[in-house]
Protein backbone atom coordinates (compact mmCIF):
# COMPACT_ATOMS: atom_id res chain seq x y z
CA MET A 1 -11.17 -7.52 -10.03
CA THR A 2 -9.68 -6.60 -13.36
CA GLU A 3 -9.15 -3.26 -14.93
CA THR A 4 -11.72 -1.98 -17.40
CA SER A 5 -10.98 0.48 -20.15
CA GLY A 6 -13.66 2.86 -18.83
CA TYR A 7 -11.57 3.83 -15.79
CA ASP A 8 -10.43 7.39 -15.71
CA GLY A 9 -7.43 8.34 -13.60
CA ARG A 10 -9.48 9.81 -10.77
CA THR A 11 -11.73 6.76 -10.42
CA PHE A 12 -8.70 4.51 -10.45
CA ARG A 13 -6.93 6.58 -7.76
CA ARG A 14 -10.03 6.38 -5.54
CA GLU A 15 -10.14 2.62 -6.02
CA THR A 16 -6.47 2.34 -5.14
CA GLU A 17 -6.99 4.50 -2.06
CA ARG A 18 -9.89 2.32 -0.96
CA VAL A 19 -8.06 -0.98 -1.50
CA VAL A 20 -4.87 0.14 0.24
CA ASN A 21 -6.71 1.61 3.22
CA GLU A 22 -8.90 -1.48 3.54
CA ILE A 23 -5.73 -3.56 3.77
CA ALA A 24 -4.19 -1.15 6.29
CA GLN A 25 -7.31 -1.31 8.47
CA GLY A 26 -7.72 -5.09 8.28
CA LEU A 27 -10.89 -4.93 6.18
CA ARG A 28 -9.15 -6.76 3.30
CA THR A 29 -6.27 -9.21 3.48
CA LEU A 30 -2.94 -8.45 1.91
CA ASP A 31 -3.36 -11.51 -0.32
CA ALA A 32 -6.72 -10.19 -1.56
CA GLY A 33 -5.08 -6.85 -2.27
CA VAL A 34 -2.30 -8.59 -4.16
CA GLY A 35 -4.95 -10.38 -6.21
CA TRP A 36 -6.47 -7.01 -7.14
CA PHE A 37 -3.04 -5.56 -7.93
CA SER A 38 -1.98 -8.57 -10.01
CA GLY A 39 -5.05 -8.15 -12.21
CA LEU A 40 -3.93 -4.69 -13.30
CA ALA A 41 -2.04 -3.84 -16.46
CA PRO A 42 1.67 -3.11 -15.93
CA THR A 43 1.18 0.63 -16.43
CA ARG A 44 -1.56 0.66 -13.79
CA GLN A 45 0.67 -1.33 -11.44
CA ARG A 46 3.35 1.37 -11.73
CA GLU A 47 0.72 4.04 -11.02
CA VAL A 48 -0.41 2.15 -7.91
CA LEU A 49 3.16 1.81 -6.68
CA GLN A 50 3.71 5.55 -7.10
CA GLU A 51 0.46 6.32 -5.31
CA VAL A 52 1.12 3.98 -2.39
CA ALA A 53 4.64 5.39 -2.05
CA GLY A 54 2.99 8.81 -1.71
CA TYR A 55 0.70 7.46 1.01
CA ALA A 56 3.73 6.03 2.81
CA MET A 57 5.49 9.40 2.69
CA GLN A 58 2.37 11.14 4.02
CA ALA A 59 2.18 8.61 6.85
CA ARG A 60 5.79 9.49 7.68
CA ILE A 61 7.02 5.93 7.34
CA THR A 62 10.27 5.17 9.12
CA ALA A 63 12.96 2.56 8.49
CA ALA A 64 11.57 0.69 11.53
CA ASP A 65 8.12 0.69 9.88
CA GLY A 66 9.82 -0.62 6.75
CA ARG A 67 11.47 -3.49 8.62
CA ALA A 68 8.19 -4.43 10.34
CA GLY A 69 6.38 -4.15 7.01
CA VAL A 70 8.87 -6.46 5.32
CA THR A 71 8.28 -9.02 8.06
CA GLN A 72 4.49 -8.80 7.57
CA SER A 73 4.73 -8.79 3.78
CA GLY A 74 6.28 -12.23 3.42
CA VAL A 75 8.90 -10.80 1.05
CA LYS A 76 12.55 -11.75 1.66
CA PRO A 77 14.51 -9.02 3.46
CA THR A 78 17.13 -9.14 0.69
CA ALA A 79 14.67 -8.40 -2.13
CA ASN A 80 15.08 -4.98 -3.74
CA PRO A 81 11.78 -3.54 -2.44
CA SER A 82 12.62 -4.73 1.09
CA VAL A 83 16.04 -3.09 1.04
CA MET A 84 14.55 0.12 -0.35
CA ILE A 85 11.87 0.46 2.35
CA CYS A 86 14.35 -0.25 5.17
CA THR A 87 16.83 2.49 4.33
CA ASP A 88 16.85 5.63 6.46
CA PRO A 89 15.11 7.51 5.00
CA PRO A 90 13.19 4.95 2.91
CA ARG A 91 13.64 5.05 -0.87
CA TYR A 92 10.51 5.32 -2.97
CA GLY A 93 11.44 4.38 -6.56
CA PHE A 94 9.29 1.24 -6.49
CA ALA A 95 7.56 2.00 -9.79
CA ASP A 96 10.98 2.02 -11.47
CA LEU A 97 11.71 -1.56 -10.45
CA PRO A 98 11.42 -4.27 -13.12
CA ALA A 99 7.85 -5.50 -13.63
CA ALA A 100 8.82 -8.88 -12.16
CA GLU A 101 9.31 -7.13 -8.79
CA HIS A 102 6.07 -5.13 -8.75
CA VAL A 103 4.06 -7.62 -6.67
CA LYS A 104 6.85 -7.80 -4.09
CA ALA A 105 7.02 -4.00 -4.05
CA PHE A 106 3.25 -3.75 -3.54
CA ARG A 107 3.36 -6.25 -0.66
CA VAL A 108 6.23 -4.39 1.04
CA LEU A 109 4.84 -0.90 0.48
CA VAL A 110 1.31 -1.68 1.64
CA SER A 111 2.55 -3.60 4.68
CA ALA A 112 4.87 -0.78 5.76
CA PHE A 113 2.17 1.80 5.06
CA ALA A 114 -0.28 -0.17 7.21
CA ILE A 115 2.11 -0.01 10.16
CA ALA A 116 2.77 3.72 9.82
CA ASP A 117 -0.88 4.55 9.17
CA THR A 118 -2.04 2.48 12.16
CA ARG A 119 0.34 4.48 14.35
CA ARG A 120 -1.12 7.72 12.97
CA ARG A 121 -4.71 6.55 13.52
CA GLU A 122 -3.87 5.56 17.10
CA THR A 123 -2.01 8.76 17.97
CA TYR A 124 -2.80 11.82 15.87
CA CYS A 125 -6.31 10.83 14.85
CA GLU A 126 -7.49 9.00 17.96
CA GLY A 127 -11.06 9.88 18.85
CA ALA A 128 -11.51 12.87 16.55
CA CYS A 129 -10.39 11.81 13.09
CA VAL A 130 -12.11 13.45 10.15
CA HIS A 131 -10.05 11.72 7.47
CA ALA A 132 -12.52 9.75 5.35
CA TRP A 133 -9.87 7.11 4.64
CA HIS A 134 -9.47 6.48 8.39
CA ASN A 135 -13.19 5.95 8.84
CA LEU A 136 -13.98 3.22 6.34
CA PRO A 137 -17.11 1.23 7.09
CA ALA A 138 -16.56 -2.38 8.01
CA ALA A 139 -17.47 -4.39 4.94
CA THR A 140 -17.32 -7.90 3.67
CA GLU A 141 -13.92 -8.57 2.24
CA GLN A 142 -13.70 -8.09 -1.49
CA PRO A 143 -11.25 -9.80 -3.85
């Protein structure tokens, strides 16, 4: 999926929310999400990184979540985004990284978010969740 010039900021944020939560809930693979992310313009990639960092903060990501996320992401533990997410508390300046590191940052952030958000769905939201983003319909995976 590539970006079109008709996107407004709100539509784009909703799309980002959908893609990231589909990855977190296993409805879309991380690689498919990376394909979507890679098709975005660099400015949009920075916006996505800022947005996903916000999701991670809301999910109360921990350094342990960061370490587990790095393992799932396939990114080397010594890469800048990996080091940032594993600090206690995690650092969130992913959008400020060089553009060459944005894909790695996306992989790490989304993977760590998925771990923290899964914990929240299984504890705080179990059985009575009204968060729309925790109740996505199962769908055929999209690119």
